[in-house]
Amino acid sequence: MSIAIFFTFAAAVLPWIAWFLEDWRMFTVVTSVPLALAVLTPWVVPESARWLASQGKVDKAIEILKKFERINGTKVDDKIYTQFSAPSNVPELFSCY
């Protein structure tokens, strides 16, 4: 449903963008920017820690979680990371999924 909302919004706004720009070349550039951002997203946004842990890349998952810890200004107890890095506990962490 959200795709329909965005498509409807874009279809309603697109003529106004074209009218405002009055140049088809600039119109093409402006309407291509969201696509360029979408293409660059995989290199900017890190993988999910949950996905990395489920793939056995627990060290990388912990690295990303610590990065988020720095960004958010929070402190996670070290025993959480110890539990997270224990190989036998990884399936338990995701047992509800």
N, C-alpha and C. Protein backbone atom coordinates (compact mmCIF):
# COMPACT_ATOMS: atom_id res chain seq x y z
N MET A 1 0.81 -1.19 0.00
CA MET A 1 0.00 0.00 0.00
C MET A 1 0.86 1.26 0.00
N SER A 2 1.99 1.22 0.69
CA SER A 2 2.82 2.42 0.74
C SER A 2 3.37 2.79 -0.64
N ILE A 3 3.60 1.79 -1.47
CA ILE A 3 4.08 2.08 -2.83
C ILE A 3 3.02 2.87 -3.59
N ALA A 4 1.77 2.50 -3.40
CA ALA A 4 0.68 3.20 -4.07
C ALA A 4 0.60 4.66 -3.61
N ILE A 5 0.83 4.88 -2.33
CA ILE A 5 0.79 6.25 -1.81
C ILE A 5 1.91 7.08 -2.41
N PHE A 6 3.12 6.52 -2.44
CA PHE A 6 4.25 7.26 -3.02
C PHE A 6 4.07 7.48 -4.51
N PHE A 7 3.56 6.49 -5.20
CA PHE A 7 3.33 6.63 -6.64
C PHE A 7 2.30 7.72 -6.91
N THR A 8 1.24 7.72 -6.14
CA THR A 8 0.19 8.73 -6.30
C THR A 8 0.74 10.13 -6.01
N PHE A 9 1.51 10.24 -4.95
CA PHE A 9 2.11 11.54 -4.61
C PHE A 9 3.05 12.00 -5.73
N ALA A 10 3.88 11.09 -6.22
CA ALA A 10 4.82 11.45 -7.29
C ALA A 10 4.07 11.85 -8.56
N ALA A 11 3.01 11.12 -8.88
CA ALA A 11 2.24 11.45 -10.08
C ALA A 11 1.57 12.81 -9.95
N ALA A 12 1.21 13.19 -8.73
CA ALA A 12 0.58 14.49 -8.53
C ALA A 12 1.59 15.63 -8.52
N VAL A 13 2.80 15.36 -8.07
CA VAL A 13 3.82 16.41 -7.95
C VAL A 13 4.62 16.58 -9.23
N LEU A 14 4.76 15.54 -10.01
CA LEU A 14 5.60 15.58 -11.20
C LEU A 14 5.26 16.71 -12.17
N PRO A 15 4.00 16.95 -12.49
CA PRO A 15 3.71 18.07 -13.40
C PRO A 15 4.13 19.42 -12.83
N TRP A 16 4.02 19.58 -11.52
CA TRP A 16 4.41 20.84 -10.89
C TRP A 16 5.92 21.03 -10.94
N ILE A 17 6.65 19.95 -10.78
CA ILE A 17 8.11 20.03 -10.90
C ILE A 17 8.49 20.43 -12.33
N ALA A 18 7.84 19.81 -13.31
CA ALA A 18 8.11 20.12 -14.72
C ALA A 18 7.76 21.58 -15.02
N TRP A 19 6.67 22.05 -14.50
CA TRP A 19 6.26 23.44 -14.75
C TRP A 19 7.25 24.41 -14.11
N PHE A 20 7.72 24.08 -12.90
CA PHE A 20 8.64 24.95 -12.20
C PHE A 20 10.00 25.02 -12.90
N LEU A 21 10.50 23.88 -13.37
CA LEU A 21 11.84 23.84 -13.97
C LEU A 21 11.87 24.37 -15.40
N GLU A 22 10.85 24.11 -16.17
CA GLU A 22 10.71 24.60 -17.55
C GLU A 22 11.83 24.15 -18.49
N ASP A 23 12.57 23.14 -18.13
CA ASP A 23 13.64 22.63 -18.99
C ASP A 23 13.68 21.12 -18.84
N TRP A 24 13.54 20.41 -19.94
CA TRP A 24 13.46 18.96 -19.85
C TRP A 24 14.75 18.34 -19.36
N ARG A 25 15.88 18.98 -19.64
CA ARG A 25 17.16 18.42 -19.18
C ARG A 25 17.28 18.50 -17.65
N MET A 26 16.94 19.65 -17.11
CA MET A 26 16.98 19.82 -15.66
C MET A 26 15.92 18.94 -14.99
N PHE A 27 14.79 18.81 -15.63
CA PHE A 27 13.72 17.95 -15.12
C PHE A 27 14.22 16.50 -15.01
N THR A 28 14.95 16.06 -16.02
CA THR A 28 15.50 14.70 -16.01
C THR A 28 16.50 14.53 -14.87
N VAL A 29 17.34 15.51 -14.67
CA VAL A 29 18.33 15.44 -13.60
C VAL A 29 17.65 15.41 -12.23
N VAL A 30 16.70 16.32 -12.03
CA VAL A 30 16.03 16.43 -10.73
C VAL A 30 15.25 15.16 -10.40
N THR A 31 14.59 14.60 -11.38
CA THR A 31 13.80 13.40 -11.10
C THR A 31 14.66 12.14 -11.03
N SER A 32 15.92 12.22 -11.43
CA SER A 32 16.82 11.06 -11.33
C SER A 32 17.58 11.01 -10.02
N VAL A 33 17.58 12.08 -9.27
CA VAL A 33 18.31 12.12 -8.00
C VAL A 33 17.85 11.03 -7.03
N PRO A 34 16.54 10.80 -6.84
CA PRO A 34 16.15 9.72 -5.92
C PRO A 34 16.67 8.35 -6.35
N LEU A 35 16.73 8.10 -7.64
CA LEU A 35 17.27 6.83 -8.12
C LEU A 35 18.75 6.72 -7.79
N ALA A 36 19.47 7.80 -7.98
CA ALA A 36 20.91 7.79 -7.66
C ALA A 36 21.12 7.52 -6.18
N LEU A 37 20.30 8.12 -5.34
CA LEU A 37 20.41 7.88 -3.90
C LEU A 37 20.10 6.42 -3.57
N ALA A 38 19.12 5.86 -4.23
CA ALA A 38 18.76 4.46 -3.98
C ALA A 38 19.88 3.52 -4.41
N VAL A 39 20.57 3.86 -5.48
CA VAL A 39 21.67 3.02 -5.96
C VAL A 39 22.85 3.08 -4.99
N LEU A 40 23.08 4.22 -4.37
CA LEU A 40 24.20 4.38 -3.45
C LEU A 40 23.92 3.83 -2.05
N THR A 41 22.70 3.55 -1.74
CA THR A 41 22.32 3.12 -0.40
C THR A 41 23.08 1.89 0.11
N PRO A 42 23.27 0.84 -0.67
CA PRO A 42 23.98 -0.33 -0.13
C PRO A 42 25.40 -0.04 0.34
N TRP A 43 26.03 0.98 -0.19
CA TRP A 43 27.39 1.31 0.24
C TRP A 43 27.41 2.23 1.45
N VAL A 44 26.29 2.87 1.74
CA VAL A 44 26.23 3.82 2.84
C VAL A 44 25.61 3.20 4.10
N VAL A 45 24.56 2.44 3.92
CA VAL A 45 23.83 1.85 5.05
C VAL A 45 24.46 0.50 5.39
N PRO A 46 24.82 0.29 6.66
CA PRO A 46 25.45 -0.99 7.02
C PRO A 46 24.43 -2.14 7.03
N GLU A 47 24.96 -3.34 6.95
CA GLU A 47 24.11 -4.52 7.03
C GLU A 47 23.46 -4.60 8.41
N SER A 48 22.37 -5.28 8.48
CA SER A 48 21.68 -5.48 9.75
C SER A 48 22.52 -6.40 10.64
N ALA A 49 22.64 -6.02 11.90
CA ALA A 49 23.40 -6.85 12.84
C ALA A 49 22.72 -8.20 13.00
N ARG A 50 21.43 -8.22 12.96
CA ARG A 50 20.69 -9.49 13.07
C ARG A 50 21.03 -10.40 11.89
N TRP A 51 21.06 -9.84 10.70
CA TRP A 51 21.37 -10.65 9.52
C TRP A 51 22.82 -11.16 9.58
N LEU A 52 23.74 -10.28 9.96
CA LEU A 52 25.14 -10.69 10.06
C LEU A 52 25.32 -11.82 11.06
N ALA A 53 24.65 -11.71 12.21
CA ALA A 53 24.77 -12.76 13.22
C ALA A 53 24.16 -14.07 12.72
N SER A 54 23.07 -13.98 12.00
CA SER A 54 22.44 -15.21 11.49
C SER A 54 23.30 -15.87 10.41
N GLN A 55 24.17 -15.09 9.77
CA GLN A 55 25.07 -15.63 8.76
C GLN A 55 26.40 -16.07 9.35
N GLY A 56 26.53 -15.97 10.67
CA GLY A 56 27.75 -16.40 11.34
C GLY A 56 28.82 -15.32 11.42
N LYS A 57 28.50 -14.10 11.04
CA LYS A 57 29.46 -12.99 11.09
C LYS A 57 29.22 -12.17 12.35
N VAL A 58 29.38 -12.83 13.48
CA VAL A 58 29.05 -12.22 14.77
C VAL A 58 30.00 -11.06 15.09
N ASP A 59 31.27 -11.20 14.76
CA ASP A 59 32.22 -10.12 15.05
C ASP A 59 31.85 -8.84 14.31
N LYS A 60 31.46 -8.99 13.07
CA LYS A 60 31.03 -7.82 12.28
C LYS A 60 29.74 -7.23 12.85
N ALA A 61 28.84 -8.09 13.32
CA ALA A 61 27.59 -7.62 13.93
C ALA A 61 27.88 -6.82 15.20
N ILE A 62 28.79 -7.31 16.01
CA ILE A 62 29.15 -6.59 17.24
C ILE A 62 29.81 -5.26 16.90
N GLU A 63 30.63 -5.25 15.87
CA GLU A 63 31.28 -4.01 15.43
C GLU A 63 30.23 -2.96 15.04
N ILE A 64 29.22 -3.38 14.32
CA ILE A 64 28.16 -2.46 13.90
C ILE A 64 27.34 -2.00 15.11
N LEU A 65 27.06 -2.91 16.02
CA LEU A 65 26.31 -2.53 17.22
C LEU A 65 27.09 -1.52 18.06
N LYS A 66 28.40 -1.68 18.15
CA LYS A 66 29.22 -0.72 18.90
C LYS A 66 29.25 0.63 18.19
N LYS A 67 29.22 0.61 16.88
CA LYS A 67 29.17 1.86 16.13
C LYS A 67 27.86 2.59 16.43
N PHE A 68 26.75 1.86 16.44
CA PHE A 68 25.47 2.46 16.77
C PHE A 68 25.44 2.95 18.22
N GLU A 69 26.13 2.23 19.07
CA GLU A 69 26.24 2.63 20.47
C GLU A 69 26.92 4.00 20.57
N ARG A 70 27.99 4.20 19.81
CA ARG A 70 28.68 5.49 19.79
C ARG A 70 27.79 6.59 19.23
N ILE A 71 27.12 6.28 18.13
CA ILE A 71 26.27 7.29 17.48
C ILE A 71 25.12 7.71 18.38
N ASN A 72 24.50 6.75 19.05
CA ASN A 72 23.34 7.05 19.90
C ASN A 72 23.73 7.56 21.28
N GLY A 73 25.00 7.48 21.62
CA GLY A 73 25.45 7.96 22.93
C GLY A 73 24.96 7.09 24.07
N THR A 74 24.82 5.81 23.83
CA THR A 74 24.37 4.88 24.87
C THR A 74 25.50 3.92 25.21
N LYS A 75 25.32 3.18 26.27
CA LYS A 75 26.30 2.18 26.68
C LYS A 75 25.58 0.86 26.90
N VAL A 76 26.02 -0.14 26.18
CA VAL A 76 25.47 -1.49 26.33
C VAL A 76 26.43 -2.27 27.21
N ASP A 77 25.87 -3.01 28.14
CA ASP A 77 26.68 -3.80 29.06
C ASP A 77 27.52 -4.81 28.28
N ASP A 78 28.77 -4.99 28.69
CA ASP A 78 29.67 -5.90 27.98
C ASP A 78 29.21 -7.35 28.02
N LYS A 79 28.46 -7.73 29.05
CA LYS A 79 28.00 -9.12 29.10
C LYS A 79 26.98 -9.41 28.00
N ILE A 80 26.32 -8.37 27.50
CA ILE A 80 25.41 -8.56 26.36
C ILE A 80 26.23 -8.96 25.13
N TYR A 81 27.35 -8.28 24.93
CA TYR A 81 28.20 -8.63 23.79
C TYR A 81 28.80 -10.02 23.97
N THR A 82 29.12 -10.37 25.20
CA THR A 82 29.65 -11.71 25.47
C THR A 82 28.61 -12.77 25.15
N GLN A 83 27.38 -12.54 25.57
CA GLN A 83 26.31 -13.48 25.24
C GLN A 83 26.07 -13.53 23.74
N PHE A 84 26.15 -12.40 23.12
CA PHE A 84 25.90 -12.31 21.69
C PHE A 84 26.97 -13.05 20.90
N SER A 85 28.21 -12.98 21.37
CA SER A 85 29.30 -13.59 20.61
C SER A 85 29.46 -15.08 20.89
N ALA A 86 28.78 -15.61 21.90
CA ALA A 86 28.86 -17.05 22.17
C ALA A 86 28.16 -17.80 21.04
N PRO A 87 28.85 -18.74 20.40
CA PRO A 87 28.29 -19.42 19.23
C PRO A 87 26.98 -20.16 19.52
N SER A 88 26.83 -20.68 20.71
CA SER A 88 25.62 -21.43 21.00
C SER A 88 24.42 -20.53 21.25
N ASN A 89 24.65 -19.23 21.53
CA ASN A 89 23.55 -18.33 21.85
C ASN A 89 22.97 -17.61 20.64
N VAL A 90 23.65 -17.63 19.53
CA VAL A 90 23.15 -16.90 18.36
C VAL A 90 21.79 -17.42 17.91
N PRO A 91 21.56 -18.72 17.81
CA PRO A 91 20.21 -19.16 17.43
C PRO A 91 19.15 -18.76 18.46
N GLU A 92 19.52 -18.71 19.75
CA GLU A 92 18.56 -18.32 20.78
C GLU A 92 18.15 -16.86 20.64
N LEU A 93 19.07 -16.02 20.20
CA LEU A 93 18.75 -14.61 20.05
C LEU A 93 17.66 -14.38 19.02
N PHE A 94 17.59 -15.28 18.05
CA PHE A 94 16.64 -15.11 16.96
C PHE A 94 15.56 -16.18 16.97
N SER A 95 15.33 -16.78 18.11
CA SER A 95 14.37 -17.88 18.18
C SER A 95 12.95 -17.43 17.90
N CYS A 96 12.63 -16.16 18.16
CA CYS A 96 11.27 -15.70 17.91
C CYS A 96 11.03 -15.41 16.43
N TYR A 97 12.06 -15.47 15.61
CA TYR A 97 11.91 -15.19 14.19
C TYR A 97 12.01 -16.47 13.44
